[in-house]
Amino acid sequence: MAARQETEKCAGKTRSLRLAVITSATAIIAVAFVFFANRNPEQGLFIPCFFHKATGLYCPGCGVTRGTWKLLHGDVYGALGANILLPFILGIIGYEIIRKFAKTLFAKELPVMSFGKMTIGLGVIIMIIFTILRNIPKEPFSRLAP
């Protein structure tokens, strides 16, 4: 009898924790959406790229904030123009967020996105080549700059 009461008590705490996580996550997403929807990154309201400020060169992540903003406003072409790697970056981050929420909210384990050494090496090489090409001030490479 005491064990059953203890189990029910734990289940109630788990439900409360899940409800708190759902409520908090919803509030954070809503605030972030309103923040992004009402501020244009071109107006300098976001954190600047420190690498670009220090060197004058574009890093592989330059344009991700602008691209995300444009994507939230339905401008897919503009988002890709800001950073062509954006779909891959947002895809990986989005999947990891969904995986964490699924585990926390539904106690459901989604597969971990694992990359082998070859995939990681290829990703690093692609990012290095992308960084070099987007900093060449000649057509067609200048189109890779944000």
Protein backbone atom coordinates (compact mmCIF):
# COMPACT_ATOMS: atom_id res chain seq x y z
CA MET A 1 0.00 0.00 0.00
CA ALA A 2 2.80 2.44 0.96
CA ALA A 3 4.74 1.57 -2.20
CA ARG A 4 1.71 2.32 -4.37
CA GLN A 5 1.21 5.72 -2.70
CA GLU A 6 4.88 6.50 -3.22
CA THR A 7 4.61 5.56 -6.92
CA GLU A 8 1.53 7.76 -7.37
CA LYS A 9 3.34 10.62 -5.62
CA CYS A 10 6.33 10.29 -7.99
CA ALA A 11 4.01 10.15 -11.01
CA GLY A 12 2.30 13.36 -9.85
CA LYS A 13 5.66 15.10 -9.51
CA THR A 14 6.68 13.92 -12.97
CA ARG A 15 3.44 15.27 -14.47
CA SER A 16 3.97 18.59 -12.69
CA LEU A 17 7.52 18.81 -13.98
CA ARG A 18 6.39 18.04 -17.53
CA LEU A 19 3.67 20.68 -17.31
CA ALA A 20 6.21 23.22 -16.03
CA VAL A 21 8.59 22.38 -18.88
CA ILE A 22 5.80 22.65 -21.48
CA THR A 23 4.65 25.98 -20.07
CA SER A 24 8.19 27.37 -19.85
CA ALA A 25 9.13 26.18 -23.33
CA THR A 26 5.96 27.64 -24.81
CA ALA A 27 6.59 30.98 -23.11
CA ILE A 28 10.23 31.07 -24.26
CA ILE A 29 9.28 30.21 -27.85
CA ALA A 30 6.52 32.83 -27.85
CA VAL A 31 8.84 35.54 -26.51
CA ALA A 32 11.56 34.59 -29.00
CA PHE A 33 9.08 34.63 -31.87
CA VAL A 34 7.76 38.08 -30.90
CA PHE A 35 11.35 39.34 -30.47
CA PHE A 36 12.40 38.04 -33.89
CA ALA A 37 9.19 39.12 -35.58
CA ASN A 38 9.47 42.73 -34.44
CA ARG A 39 13.19 43.39 -34.86
CA ASN A 40 15.12 43.55 -38.07
CA PRO A 41 18.71 42.29 -37.71
CA GLU A 42 19.76 44.75 -40.42
CA GLN A 43 19.08 47.55 -37.90
CA GLY A 44 21.84 46.34 -35.59
CA LEU A 45 19.66 45.16 -32.72
CA PHE A 46 21.31 41.75 -32.50
CA ILE A 47 24.74 40.67 -31.29
CA PRO A 48 27.31 41.31 -34.04
CA CYS A 49 29.75 38.65 -35.21
CA PHE A 50 32.92 39.17 -33.21
CA PHE A 51 35.04 37.39 -35.84
CA HIS A 52 33.76 39.76 -38.54
CA LYS A 53 34.28 42.80 -36.28
CA ALA A 54 37.86 41.76 -35.52
CA THR A 55 38.98 40.60 -38.98
CA GLY A 56 36.52 42.03 -41.50
CA LEU A 57 36.03 38.48 -42.83
CA TYR A 58 32.85 36.44 -42.78
CA CYS A 59 32.83 33.30 -40.62
CA PRO A 60 30.72 30.23 -41.52
CA GLY A 61 28.00 31.45 -39.13
CA CYS A 62 27.75 35.01 -40.42
CA GLY A 63 24.24 35.60 -41.66
CA VAL A 64 22.55 32.92 -39.55
CA THR A 65 20.63 35.49 -37.47
CA ARG A 66 19.53 37.42 -40.55
CA GLY A 67 18.69 34.17 -42.33
CA THR A 68 16.60 32.93 -39.41
CA TRP A 69 14.77 36.26 -39.27
CA LYS A 70 14.08 36.12 -43.01
CA LEU A 71 12.93 32.51 -42.74
CA LEU A 72 10.51 33.44 -39.93
CA HIS A 73 9.10 36.08 -42.27
CA GLY A 74 8.66 33.61 -45.14
CA ASP A 75 11.62 34.76 -47.23
CA VAL A 76 13.27 31.41 -47.98
CA TYR A 77 15.39 32.79 -50.83
CA GLY A 78 16.60 35.65 -48.62
CA ALA A 79 17.41 33.20 -45.82
CA LEU A 80 19.53 31.09 -48.17
CA GLY A 81 21.19 34.26 -49.45
CA ALA A 82 22.17 35.20 -45.90
CA ASN A 83 23.81 31.83 -45.26
CA ILE A 84 23.51 28.84 -47.58
CA LEU A 85 24.37 26.49 -44.69
CA LEU A 86 21.31 27.66 -42.73
CA PRO A 87 19.04 24.67 -43.53
CA PHE A 88 21.68 22.25 -42.25
CA ILE A 89 22.40 24.29 -39.12
CA LEU A 90 18.70 24.76 -38.26
CA GLY A 91 17.94 21.13 -39.10
CA ILE A 92 20.53 19.79 -36.66
CA ILE A 93 19.63 22.27 -33.91
CA GLY A 94 15.89 21.74 -34.46
CA TYR A 95 16.18 17.97 -34.27
CA GLU A 96 18.18 18.15 -31.05
CA ILE A 97 15.60 20.48 -29.47
CA ILE A 98 12.76 18.14 -30.49
CA ARG A 99 14.72 15.15 -29.16
CA LYS A 100 15.26 16.84 -25.77
CA PHE A 101 11.60 17.86 -25.51
CA ALA A 102 10.41 14.37 -26.48
CA LYS A 103 12.54 12.89 -23.72
CA THR A 104 11.49 15.45 -21.12
CA LEU A 105 7.81 15.74 -21.96
CA PHE A 106 6.87 12.27 -23.15
CA ALA A 107 9.69 10.11 -21.75
CA LYS A 108 10.30 9.06 -25.37
CA GLU A 109 13.85 8.48 -26.58
CA LEU A 110 14.43 9.56 -30.15
CA PRO A 111 17.60 8.34 -31.86
CA VAL A 112 20.72 10.37 -31.15
CA MET A 113 22.08 12.06 -34.24
CA SER A 114 25.55 10.56 -34.38
CA PHE A 115 28.16 11.48 -36.91
CA GLY A 116 31.17 9.39 -37.74
CA LYS A 117 34.67 10.79 -38.05
CA MET A 118 34.38 10.94 -41.83
CA THR A 119 31.14 12.96 -41.66
CA ILE A 120 32.56 15.39 -39.11
CA GLY A 121 35.75 15.75 -41.15
CA LEU A 122 33.74 16.39 -44.32
CA GLY A 123 31.62 18.97 -42.47
CA VAL A 124 34.73 20.80 -41.25
CA ILE A 125 36.24 20.77 -44.76
CA ILE A 126 32.98 22.11 -46.24
CA MET A 127 32.87 24.90 -43.64
CA ILE A 128 36.50 25.87 -44.29
CA ILE A 129 35.97 25.94 -48.08
CA PHE A 130 32.70 27.87 -47.61
CA THR A 131 34.48 30.42 -45.39
CA ILE A 132 37.26 30.93 -47.92
CA LEU A 133 34.90 31.21 -50.90
CA ARG A 134 32.49 33.64 -49.22
CA ASN A 135 35.37 36.02 -48.51
CA ILE A 136 36.52 36.24 -52.15
CA PRO A 137 35.23 39.63 -53.38
CA LYS A 138 34.60 38.47 -56.97
CA GLU A 139 31.48 37.13 -58.66
CA PRO A 140 30.09 34.48 -58.16
CA PHE A 141 31.75 34.05 -54.75
CA SER A 142 30.56 37.39 -53.41
CA ARG A 143 27.02 35.99 -53.52
CA LEU A 144 27.97 33.70 -50.63
CA ALA A 145 28.57 36.72 -48.36
CA PRO A 146 25.62 37.70 -46.14
